[in-house]
Amino acid sequence: MPAPFVLFGHQHLTAIGLTLSVPAVLAGVRRTAWPDGDTPIRWSFAALLIGTWIAWYMLFIARHWLGAGNEFPMNLCDWATIALIVTLIRPNQQAYDLAYFWALAGTTQGLVTPDVNFAFPEPQFIVFLLGHGAIIAAVIYLTFGTGMRPVPASIPRVIAWSLAYAAAAGLLDWIANVNYGFFRAKPGHETFYDILPAWPYYIPVTVLLGFLSILILYAPWYIADRVRRA
């Protein structure tokens, strides 16, 4: 029997540390010692994301965990992954905006409070932490290794797409009686949702927090632009 997963235990903290440090090192190496390394690094991240996505489905199929509530790519992390893969293969501002805000505002929560039961080397631990960590790491690399960054037009774009995601997930939840986006119930494991009001009152609170997180994530770039102009 594998050891149980320990929230903020040494394995969890190691995964978080690698998520932040590896892309920082890659960005530094690319800018200083490997100026032609951008394409190999981006494509490696894309391959890692695709590989972990396939491994996730293979694991759930093998363990008979796959069902209506998890077989569709309708979690926000799934949409972030799609936008990120597009950006990594063919960099563009529109896809980067979605990857940046969805990964740092949404996927980060999955990395901090992962939905896993057992510790390393349990495959569930590896696939979940590697997949979520790779999303965040790729965004960090794109931002500091390639110079991509959000712009003022990013805010209305990501809000519009976030509302589109909420509408799509909510419709699927209603039709299929599932819980994508956590619109029908809070997650079944420990998350920040635990400090929010009960259903359905946490839904508008979550929406407001989402808008606030977009502004917070854009604030450093807004301040930097103002300082440069001054």
C-alpha atoms as a PDB file:
ATOM      1  CA  MET A   1       0.000   0.000   0.000  1.00  0.00           C
ATOM      2  CA  PRO A   2       1.555   3.349  -1.025  1.00  0.00           C
ATOM      3  CA  ALA A   3       2.161   5.950   1.641  1.00  0.00           C
ATOM      4  CA  PRO A   4      -0.607   8.573   1.915  1.00  0.00           C
ATOM      5  CA  PHE A   5      -0.088  11.971   0.351  1.00  0.00           C
ATOM      6  CA  VAL A   6       0.888  14.664   2.858  1.00  0.00           C
ATOM      7  CA  LEU A   7      -0.258  18.179   2.043  1.00  0.00           C
ATOM      8  CA  PHE A   8       2.806  20.457   2.196  1.00  0.00           C
ATOM      9  CA  GLY A   9       4.975  17.485   3.092  1.00  0.00           C
ATOM     10  CA  HIS A  10       8.516  17.311   1.742  1.00  0.00           C
ATOM     11  CA  GLN A  11       7.427  15.627  -1.505  1.00  0.00           C
ATOM     12  CA  HIS A  12       4.721  18.210  -2.135  1.00  0.00           C
ATOM     13  CA  LEU A  13       7.057  21.121  -1.379  1.00  0.00           C
ATOM     14  CA  THR A  14       9.719  19.596  -3.628  1.00  0.00           C
ATOM     15  CA  ALA A  15       7.231  19.481  -6.496  1.00  0.00           C
ATOM     16  CA  ILE A  16       6.304  23.126  -5.914  1.00  0.00           C
ATOM     17  CA  GLY A  17       9.967  24.122  -5.705  1.00  0.00           C
ATOM     18  CA  LEU A  18      10.832  22.372  -8.979  1.00  0.00           C
ATOM     19  CA  THR A  19       7.834  23.972 -10.669  1.00  0.00           C
ATOM     20  CA  LEU A  20       9.227  27.408  -9.879  1.00  0.00           C
ATOM     21  CA  SER A  21      12.977  26.792 -10.173  1.00  0.00           C
ATOM     22  CA  VAL A  22      13.249  24.702 -13.356  1.00  0.00           C
ATOM     23  CA  PRO A  23      11.638  27.272 -15.697  1.00  0.00           C
ATOM     24  CA  ALA A  24      13.620  30.067 -14.050  1.00  0.00           C
ATOM     25  CA  VAL A  25      16.859  28.202 -14.786  1.00  0.00           C
ATOM     26  CA  LEU A  26      15.758  27.419 -18.348  1.00  0.00           C
ATOM     27  CA  ALA A  27      14.852  31.071 -18.945  1.00  0.00           C
ATOM     28  CA  GLY A  28      18.244  32.190 -17.646  1.00  0.00           C
ATOM     29  CA  VAL A  29      20.136  29.630 -19.715  1.00  0.00           C
ATOM     30  CA  ARG A  30      18.211  30.520 -22.843  1.00  0.00           C
ATOM     31  CA  ARG A  31      18.864  34.249 -22.422  1.00  0.00           C
ATOM     32  CA  THR A  32      22.552  33.944 -21.554  1.00  0.00           C
ATOM     33  CA  ALA A  33      24.140  30.750 -22.843  1.00  0.00           C
ATOM     34  CA  TRP A  34      21.693  29.214 -25.335  1.00  0.00           C
ATOM     35  CA  PRO A  35      20.097  31.921 -27.501  1.00  0.00           C
ATOM     36  CA  ASP A  36      18.917  29.318 -30.031  1.00  0.00           C
ATOM     37  CA  GLY A  37      17.351  27.126 -27.378  1.00  0.00           C
ATOM     38  CA  ASP A  38      13.885  28.641 -27.351  1.00  0.00           C
ATOM     39  CA  THR A  39      12.273  26.283 -29.853  1.00  0.00           C
ATOM     40  CA  PRO A  40      13.653  23.069 -28.284  1.00  0.00           C
ATOM     41  CA  ILE A  41      12.571  24.228 -24.820  1.00  0.00           C
ATOM     42  CA  ARG A  42       9.076  25.233 -25.952  1.00  0.00           C
ATOM     43  CA  TRP A  43       8.531  22.008 -27.870  1.00  0.00           C
ATOM     44  CA  SER A  44       9.810  19.968 -24.930  1.00  0.00           C
ATOM     45  CA  PHE A  45       7.257  21.619 -22.672  1.00  0.00           C
ATOM     46  CA  ALA A  46       4.532  20.938 -25.253  1.00  0.00           C
ATOM     47  CA  ALA A  47       5.553  17.273 -25.474  1.00  0.00           C
ATOM     48  CA  LEU A  48       5.560  16.994 -21.676  1.00  0.00           C
ATOM     49  CA  LEU A  49       2.056  18.468 -21.424  1.00  0.00           C
ATOM     50  CA  ILE A  50       0.703  16.179 -24.133  1.00  0.00           C
ATOM     51  CA  GLY A  51       2.440  13.185 -22.574  1.00  0.00           C
ATOM     52  CA  THR A  52       1.072  13.793 -19.087  1.00  0.00           C
ATOM     53  CA  TRP A  53      -2.410  14.340 -20.499  1.00  0.00           C
ATOM     54  CA  ILE A  54      -2.256  10.969 -22.290  1.00  0.00           C
ATOM     55  CA  ALA A  55      -0.805   9.318 -19.168  1.00  0.00           C
ATOM     56  CA  TRP A  56      -3.676  10.728 -17.082  1.00  0.00           C
ATOM     57  CA  TYR A  57      -6.268   9.110 -19.340  1.00  0.00           C
ATOM     58  CA  MET A  58      -4.343   5.841 -19.469  1.00  0.00           C
ATOM     59  CA  LEU A  59      -4.157   5.757 -15.660  1.00  0.00           C
ATOM     60  CA  PHE A  60      -7.860   6.448 -15.225  1.00  0.00           C
ATOM     61  CA  ILE A  61      -8.807   3.862 -17.861  1.00  0.00           C
ATOM     62  CA  ALA A  62      -6.541   1.232 -16.310  1.00  0.00           C
ATOM     63  CA  ARG A  63      -8.003   1.816 -12.835  1.00  0.00           C
ATOM     64  CA  HIS A  64     -11.597   2.145 -14.032  1.00  0.00           C
ATOM     65  CA  TRP A  65     -11.806   5.700 -12.719  1.00  0.00           C
ATOM     66  CA  LEU A  66     -12.902   7.276 -15.984  1.00  0.00           C
ATOM     67  CA  GLY A  67     -16.484   8.508 -16.065  1.00  0.00           C
ATOM     68  CA  ALA A  68     -18.695  11.347 -17.201  1.00  0.00           C
ATOM     69  CA  GLY A  69     -17.324  13.578 -14.461  1.00  0.00           C
ATOM     70  CA  ASN A  70     -13.722  13.423 -15.659  1.00  0.00           C
ATOM     71  CA  GLU A  71     -13.581  12.104 -19.222  1.00  0.00           C
ATOM     72  CA  PHE A  72     -14.253  15.433 -20.943  1.00  0.00           C
ATOM     73  CA  PRO A  73     -11.592  18.187 -21.121  1.00  0.00           C
ATOM     74  CA  MET A  74     -13.858  20.601 -19.288  1.00  0.00           C
ATOM     75  CA  ASN A  75     -11.835  21.535 -16.242  1.00  0.00           C
ATOM     76  CA  LEU A  76     -10.244  24.976 -16.374  1.00  0.00           C
ATOM     77  CA  CYS A  77      -6.818  23.310 -16.251  1.00  0.00           C
ATOM     78  CA  ASP A  78      -7.724  21.448 -19.445  1.00  0.00           C
ATOM     79  CA  TRP A  79      -8.524  24.678 -21.240  1.00  0.00           C
ATOM     80  CA  ALA A  80      -5.329  26.215 -19.870  1.00  0.00           C
ATOM     81  CA  THR A  81      -3.373  23.232 -21.180  1.00  0.00           C
ATOM     82  CA  ILE A  82      -4.880  23.574 -24.661  1.00  0.00           C
ATOM     83  CA  ALA A  83      -4.113  27.306 -24.794  1.00  0.00           C
ATOM     84  CA  LEU A  84      -0.604  26.649 -23.510  1.00  0.00           C
ATOM     85  CA  ILE A  85       0.191  23.900 -26.021  1.00  0.00           C
ATOM     86  CA  VAL A  86      -0.936  26.213 -28.819  1.00  0.00           C
ATOM     87  CA  THR A  87       1.293  28.987 -27.452  1.00  0.00           C
ATOM     88  CA  LEU A  88       4.299  26.708 -27.063  1.00  0.00           C
ATOM     89  CA  ILE A  89       4.043  25.347 -30.600  1.00  0.00           C
ATOM     90  CA  ARG A  90       3.087  28.610 -32.270  1.00  0.00           C
ATOM     91  CA  PRO A  91       3.557  31.588 -29.931  1.00  0.00           C
ATOM     92  CA  ASN A  92       0.777  34.157 -30.132  1.00  0.00           C
ATOM     93  CA  GLN A  93      -0.592  36.762 -27.758  1.00  0.00           C
ATOM     94  CA  GLN A  94      -4.186  35.549 -27.709  1.00  0.00           C
ATOM     95  CA  ALA A  95      -3.415  31.992 -26.572  1.00  0.00           C
ATOM     96  CA  TYR A  96      -0.679  33.193 -24.209  1.00  0.00           C
ATOM     97  CA  ASP A  97      -3.136  35.491 -22.413  1.00  0.00           C
ATOM     98  CA  LEU A  98      -5.437  32.583 -21.577  1.00  0.00           C
ATOM     99  CA  ALA A  99      -2.542  30.336 -20.565  1.00  0.00           C
ATOM    100  CA  TYR A 100      -1.004  33.019 -18.334  1.00  0.00           C
ATOM    101  CA  PHE A 101      -4.112  33.948 -16.374  1.00  0.00           C
ATOM    102  CA  TRP A 102      -5.749  30.521 -16.229  1.00  0.00           C
ATOM    103  CA  ALA A 103      -2.545  28.777 -15.208  1.00  0.00           C
ATOM    104  CA  LEU A 104      -1.450  31.251 -12.542  1.00  0.00           C
ATOM    105  CA  ALA A 105      -4.947  31.875 -11.158  1.00  0.00           C
ATOM    106  CA  GLY A 106      -6.439  28.399 -11.551  1.00  0.00           C
ATOM    107  CA  THR A 107      -3.852  25.672 -12.040  1.00  0.00           C
ATOM    108  CA  THR A 108      -1.817  27.049  -9.130  1.00  0.00           C
ATOM    109  CA  GLN A 109      -4.661  26.080  -6.827  1.00  0.00           C
ATOM    110  CA  GLY A 110      -4.474  22.507  -8.110  1.00  0.00           C
ATOM    111  CA  LEU A 111      -0.740  22.417  -7.445  1.00  0.00           C
ATOM    112  CA  VAL A 112      -1.098  23.860  -3.937  1.00  0.00           C
ATOM    113  CA  THR A 113      -4.047  21.614  -2.973  1.00  0.00           C
ATOM    114  CA  PRO A 114      -3.699  18.588  -5.283  1.00  0.00           C
ATOM    115  CA  ASP A 115      -6.434  15.980  -5.604  1.00  0.00           C
ATOM    116  CA  VAL A 116      -4.184  12.974  -4.927  1.00  0.00           C
ATOM    117  CA  ASN A 117      -4.397  10.245  -2.318  1.00  0.00           C
ATOM    118  CA  PHE A 118      -0.932   8.721  -2.237  1.00  0.00           C
ATOM    119  CA  ALA A 119       2.679   9.899  -2.188  1.00  0.00           C
ATOM    120  CA  PHE A 120       5.512   9.353  -4.694  1.00  0.00           C
ATOM    121  CA  PRO A 121       6.060   7.012  -6.538  1.00  0.00           C
ATOM    122  CA  GLU A 122       2.322   6.383  -6.896  1.00  0.00           C
ATOM    123  CA  PRO A 123       1.401   7.093 -10.572  1.00  0.00           C
ATOM    124  CA  GLN A 124      -1.485   9.329  -9.527  1.00  0.00           C
ATOM    125  CA  PHE A 125       0.954  11.572  -7.649  1.00  0.00           C
ATOM    126  CA  ILE A 126       3.394  11.692 -10.566  1.00  0.00           C
ATOM    127  CA  VAL A 127       0.831  12.383 -13.281  1.00  0.00           C
ATOM    128  CA  PHE A 128      -1.116  14.994 -11.320  1.00  0.00           C
ATOM    129  CA  LEU A 129       1.826  16.946  -9.904  1.00  0.00           C
ATOM    130  CA  LEU A 130       3.867  16.697 -13.103  1.00  0.00           C
ATOM    131  CA  GLY A 131       0.949  17.785 -15.269  1.00  0.00           C
ATOM    132  CA  HIS A 132      -0.067  20.751 -13.128  1.00  0.00           C
ATOM    133  CA  GLY A 133       3.536  21.727 -12.454  1.00  0.00           C
ATOM    134  CA  ALA A 134       4.384  21.640 -16.161  1.00  0.00           C
ATOM    135  CA  ILE A 135       1.515  24.038 -16.935  1.00  0.00           C
ATOM    136  CA  ILE A 136       2.782  26.628 -14.472  1.00  0.00           C
ATOM    137  CA  ALA A 137       6.439  26.050 -15.382  1.00  0.00           C
ATOM    138  CA  ALA A 138       5.753  26.533 -19.094  1.00  0.00           C
ATOM    139  CA  VAL A 139       3.971  29.831 -18.439  1.00  0.00           C
ATOM    140  CA  ILE A 140       6.882  31.027 -16.304  1.00  0.00           C
ATOM    141  CA  TYR A 141       9.342  30.098 -19.051  1.00  0.00           C
ATOM    142  CA  LEU A 142       7.306  31.822 -21.765  1.00  0.00           C
ATOM    143  CA  THR A 143       7.090  34.962 -19.643  1.00  0.00           C
ATOM    144  CA  PHE A 144      10.702  35.273 -18.545  1.00  0.00           C
ATOM    145  CA  GLY A 145      12.456  33.218 -21.213  1.00  0.00           C
ATOM    146  CA  THR A 146      10.795  34.604 -24.329  1.00  0.00           C
ATOM    147  CA  GLY A 147       9.580  38.002 -23.165  1.00  0.00           C
ATOM    148  CA  MET A 148       5.875  37.314 -23.658  1.00  0.00           C
ATOM    149  CA  ARG A 149       3.651  39.210 -21.225  1.00  0.00           C
ATOM    150  CA  PRO A 150       0.040  40.303 -20.784  1.00  0.00           C
ATOM    151  CA  VAL A 151      -1.056  43.635 -22.247  1.00  0.00           C
ATOM    152  CA  PRO A 152      -4.095  45.849 -21.518  1.00  0.00           C
ATOM    153  CA  ALA A 153      -6.145  44.044 -24.184  1.00  0.00           C
ATOM    154  CA  SER A 154      -5.471  40.772 -22.346  1.00  0.00           C
ATOM    155  CA  ILE A 155      -7.898  41.629 -19.559  1.00  0.00           C
ATOM    156  CA  PRO A 156     -11.176  41.837 -21.539  1.00  0.00           C
ATOM    157  CA  ARG A 157     -10.039  38.876 -23.645  1.00  0.00           C
ATOM    158  CA  VAL A 158      -9.443  36.558 -20.705  1.00  0.00           C
ATOM    159  CA  ILE A 159     -12.635  37.711 -18.963  1.00  0.00           C
ATOM    160  CA  ALA A 160     -14.675  36.940 -22.075  1.00  0.00           C
ATOM    161  CA  TRP A 161     -13.114  33.500 -22.475  1.00  0.00           C
ATOM    162  CA  SER A 162     -13.486  32.768 -18.753  1.00  0.00           C
ATOM    163  CA  LEU A 163     -17.204  33.543 -18.961  1.00  0.00           C
ATOM    164  CA  ALA A 164     -17.411  31.310 -22.036  1.00  0.00           C
ATOM    165  CA  TYR A 165     -15.757  28.510 -20.068  1.00  0.00           C
ATOM    166  CA  ALA A 166     -18.150  29.006 -17.151  1.00  0.00           C
ATOM    167  CA  ALA A 167     -21.144  28.869 -19.480  1.00  0.00           C
ATOM    168  CA  ALA A 168     -19.872  25.719 -21.232  1.00  0.00           C
ATOM    169  CA  ALA A 169     -18.984  23.935 -17.982  1.00  0.00           C
ATOM    170  CA  GLY A 170     -22.230  24.973 -16.315  1.00  0.00           C
ATOM    171  CA  LEU A 171     -24.283  23.736 -19.270  1.00  0.00           C
ATOM    172  CA  LEU A 172     -22.495  20.379 -19.280  1.00  0.00           C
ATOM    173  CA  ASP A 173     -22.956  20.096 -15.505  1.00  0.00           C
ATOM    174  CA  TRP A 174     -26.686  20.655 -15.910  1.00  0.00           C
ATOM    175  CA  ILE A 175     -27.094  18.258 -18.852  1.00  0.00           C
ATOM    176  CA  ALA A 176     -24.880  15.417 -17.604  1.00  0.00           C
ATOM    177  CA  ASN A 177     -25.254  15.888 -13.834  1.00  0.00           C
ATOM    178  CA  VAL A 178     -21.499  16.309 -13.391  1.00  0.00           C
ATOM    179  CA  ASN A 179     -19.354  18.922 -11.602  1.00  0.00           C
ATOM    180  CA  TYR A 180     -16.900  20.531 -14.001  1.00  0.00           C
ATOM    181  CA  GLY A 181     -15.796  23.920 -12.710  1.00  0.00           C
ATOM    182  CA  PHE A 182     -17.296  23.026  -9.307  1.00  0.00           C
ATOM    183  CA  PHE A 183     -20.589  24.706 -10.131  1.00  0.00           C
ATOM    184  CA  ARG A 184     -22.705  21.960  -8.532  1.00  0.00           C
ATOM    185  CA  ALA A 185     -20.634  21.248  -5.415  1.00  0.00           C
ATOM    186  CA  LYS A 186     -17.330  22.032  -3.746  1.00  0.00           C
ATOM    187  CA  PRO A 187     -14.331  19.737  -4.428  1.00  0.00           C
ATOM    188  CA  GLY A 188     -14.226  16.544  -2.409  1.00  0.00           C
ATOM    189  CA  HIS A 189     -10.736  17.250  -1.069  1.00  0.00           C
ATOM    190  CA  GLU A 190      -9.179  20.099   0.895  1.00  0.00           C
ATOM    191  CA  THR A 191      -9.054  23.317  -1.174  1.00  0.00           C
ATOM    192  CA  PHE A 192      -9.563  27.051  -0.757  1.00  0.00           C
ATOM    193  CA  TYR A 193     -13.266  26.413  -1.411  1.00  0.00           C
ATOM    194  CA  ASP A 194     -13.477  25.215   2.184  1.00  0.00           C
ATOM    195  CA  ILE A 195     -13.303  28.802   3.448  1.00  0.00           C
ATOM    196  CA  LEU A 196     -16.034  30.010   1.078  1.00  0.00           C
ATOM    197  CA  PRO A 197     -19.797  30.039   1.792  1.00  0.00           C
ATOM    198  CA  ALA A 198     -21.946  27.009   1.066  1.00  0.00           C
ATOM    199  CA  TRP A 199     -23.441  26.212  -2.343  1.00  0.00           C
ATOM    200  CA  PRO A 200     -24.649  28.132  -4.302  1.00  0.00           C
ATOM    201  CA  TYR A 201     -23.338  31.248  -2.581  1.00  0.00           C
ATOM    202  CA  TYR A 202     -19.691  30.397  -3.194  1.00  0.00           C
ATOM    203  CA  ILE A 203     -20.238  30.605  -6.969  1.00  0.00           C
ATOM    204  CA  PRO A 204     -20.583  34.424  -7.233  1.00  0.00           C
ATOM    205  CA  VAL A 205     -17.794  34.770  -4.668  1.00  0.00           C
ATOM    206  CA  THR A 206     -15.564  32.591  -6.843  1.00  0.00           C
ATOM    207  CA  VAL A 207     -16.415  34.697  -9.907  1.00  0.00           C
ATOM    208  CA  LEU A 208     -15.492  37.885  -8.058  1.00  0.00           C
ATOM    209  CA  LEU A 209     -12.252  36.314  -6.837  1.00  0.00           C
ATOM    210  CA  GLY A 210     -11.492  35.295 -10.403  1.00  0.00           C
ATOM    211  CA  PHE A 211     -11.874  38.871 -11.638  1.00  0.00           C
ATOM    212  CA  LEU A 212      -9.732  40.076  -8.731  1.00  0.00           C
ATOM    213  CA  SER A 213      -7.002  37.541  -9.505  1.00  0.00           C
ATOM    214  CA  ILE A 214      -6.874  38.774 -13.118  1.00  0.00           C
ATOM    215  CA  LEU A 215      -6.260  42.314 -11.913  1.00  0.00           C
ATOM    216  CA  ILE A 216      -3.650  41.160  -9.397  1.00  0.00           C
ATOM    217  CA  LEU A 217      -1.785  39.124 -12.017  1.00  0.00           C
ATOM    218  CA  TYR A 218      -1.747  42.079 -14.385  1.00  0.00           C
ATOM    219  CA  ALA A 219      -0.793  44.640 -11.709  1.00  0.00           C
ATOM    220  CA  PRO A 220       3.020  44.078 -11.852  1.00  0.00           C
ATOM    221  CA  TRP A 221       3.044  44.743 -15.605  1.00  0.00           C
ATOM    222  CA  TYR A 222       0.837  47.814 -15.210  1.00  0.00           C
ATOM    223  CA  ILE A 223       3.153  49.202 -12.523  1.00  0.00           C
ATOM    224  CA  ALA A 224       6.261  48.426 -14.586  1.00  0.00           C
ATOM    225  CA  ASP A 225       4.788  50.217 -17.605  1.00  0.00           C
ATOM    226  CA  ARG A 226       3.929  53.259 -15.512  1.00  0.00           C
ATOM    227  CA  VAL A 227       7.437  53.362 -14.062  1.00  0.00           C
ATOM    228  CA  ARG A 228       9.019  53.122 -17.504  1.00  0.00           C
ATOM    229  CA  ARG A 229       6.848  55.974 -18.798  1.00  0.00           C
ATOM    230  CA  ALA A 230       7.743  58.125 -15.787  1.00  0.00           C
END
